[in-house]
């Protein structure tokens, strides 16, 4: 029988690896996509999911409800910051494009 502690560590490590994968996918999208809006979409979506998985993995590994609440608050603030910054950058890109025409 596998101890519960070992299952928790394996689950936390898998969540960290999955989060790192999404961070990497977002970075590849940032480099490879052709225009600003596609790059922003790839980066905002993949990095937000990657951050959520990394924070969830850290929460599982630490095993504290207090730390989990702080990590959840951090992720919610990051969701808001990512959406606002992507919106501002897309608006600036549109204004520059319209000014150039």
Protein backbone atom coordinates (compact mmCIF):
# COMPACT_ATOMS: atom_id res chain seq x y z
CA UNK A 1 0.00 0.00 0.00
CA UNK A 2 1.32 3.43 -0.98
CA UNK A 3 1.55 5.99 1.84
CA UNK A 4 -0.64 9.06 1.53
CA UNK A 5 2.39 11.35 1.86
CA UNK A 6 3.99 9.81 -1.24
CA UNK A 7 0.79 10.27 -3.25
CA UNK A 8 0.63 13.91 -2.19
CA UNK A 9 4.23 14.52 -3.25
CA UNK A 10 3.73 12.79 -6.60
CA UNK A 11 0.52 14.75 -7.25
CA UNK A 12 2.19 18.04 -6.33
CA UNK A 13 5.16 17.27 -8.56
CA UNK A 14 2.87 16.39 -11.48
CA UNK A 15 1.00 19.67 -11.05
CA UNK A 16 4.29 21.58 -11.05
CA UNK A 17 5.41 19.81 -14.22
CA UNK A 18 2.06 20.50 -15.92
CA UNK A 19 2.32 24.18 -14.94
CA UNK A 20 5.84 24.38 -16.36
CA UNK A 21 4.55 22.81 -19.58
CA UNK A 22 1.90 25.51 -19.97
CA UNK A 23 4.43 28.26 -19.23
CA UNK A 24 6.61 26.80 -21.98
CA UNK A 25 3.67 26.59 -24.39
CA UNK A 26 2.82 30.24 -23.73
CA UNK A 27 6.40 31.27 -24.40
CA UNK A 28 6.47 29.31 -27.66
CA UNK A 29 3.22 31.02 -28.68
CA UNK A 30 4.73 34.40 -27.85
CA UNK A 31 7.69 33.68 -30.11
CA UNK A 32 5.96 31.90 -32.98
CA UNK A 33 2.59 33.59 -33.52
CA UNK A 34 2.48 36.24 -36.25
CA UNK A 35 0.60 39.20 -34.75
CA UNK A 36 0.29 40.96 -31.40
CA UNK A 37 -3.23 39.77 -30.60
CA UNK A 38 -2.41 36.11 -31.18
CA UNK A 39 0.71 36.44 -29.07
CA UNK A 40 -1.20 38.10 -26.25
CA UNK A 41 -3.90 35.44 -26.34
CA UNK A 42 -1.40 32.59 -26.18
CA UNK A 43 0.62 34.23 -23.44
CA UNK A 44 -2.31 35.30 -21.24
CA UNK A 45 -4.19 32.01 -21.43
CA UNK A 46 -1.27 29.60 -21.13
CA UNK A 47 0.59 31.54 -18.46
CA UNK A 48 -2.52 32.00 -16.33
CA UNK A 49 -3.27 28.27 -16.45
CA UNK A 50 0.41 27.49 -15.86
CA UNK A 51 0.51 29.75 -12.82
CA UNK A 52 -2.67 28.16 -11.46
CA UNK A 53 -1.20 24.68 -11.79
CA UNK A 54 2.12 25.68 -10.23
CA UNK A 55 0.38 27.35 -7.29
CA UNK A 56 -1.91 24.35 -6.87
CA UNK A 57 1.12 22.07 -6.89
CA UNK A 58 2.87 24.21 -4.27
CA UNK A 59 -0.31 24.20 -2.18
CA UNK A 60 -0.55 20.42 -2.35
CA UNK A 61 3.11 20.00 -1.42
CA UNK A 62 2.88 22.41 1.51
CA UNK A 63 -0.44 20.99 2.70
CA UNK A 64 -1.57 24.05 4.63
CA UNK A 65 -5.02 25.63 4.23
CA UNK A 66 -3.65 29.06 5.14
CA UNK A 67 -1.02 28.87 2.44
CA UNK A 68 -3.65 27.57 0.02
CA UNK A 69 -5.86 30.61 0.59
CA UNK A 70 -2.91 32.96 0.01
CA UNK A 71 -1.97 31.10 -3.17
CA UNK A 72 -5.58 31.25 -4.39
CA UNK A 73 -5.67 35.01 -3.77
CA UNK A 74 -2.39 35.35 -5.67
CA UNK A 75 -3.81 33.45 -8.62
CA UNK A 76 -7.00 35.53 -8.68
CA UNK A 77 -4.96 38.75 -8.67
CA UNK A 78 -2.79 37.38 -11.49
CA UNK A 79 -5.94 36.57 -13.51
CA UNK A 80 -7.06 40.17 -13.20
CA UNK A 81 -3.63 41.58 -14.01
CA UNK A 82 -3.23 39.36 -17.09
CA UNK A 83 -6.58 40.33 -18.54
CA UNK A 84 -6.10 44.06 -17.91
CA UNK A 85 -2.56 44.12 -19.32
CA UNK A 86 -3.57 42.12 -22.41
CA UNK A 87 -6.49 44.50 -23.00
CA UNK A 88 -4.28 47.58 -22.68
CA UNK A 89 -1.63 46.18 -25.01
CA UNK A 90 -4.23 45.15 -27.61
CA UNK A 91 -5.81 48.60 -27.47
CA UNK A 92 -2.42 50.29 -27.93
CA UNK A 93 -1.65 48.01 -30.88
CA UNK A 94 -5.00 48.86 -32.49
CA UNK A 95 -4.47 52.60 -32.00
CA UNK A 96 -1.00 52.40 -33.55
CA UNK A 97 -2.33 50.40 -36.49
CA UNK A 98 -5.19 52.87 -37.08
CA UNK A 99 -2.80 55.82 -36.80
CA UNK A 100 -0.46 54.31 -39.39
CA UNK A 101 -3.23 53.89 -42.01
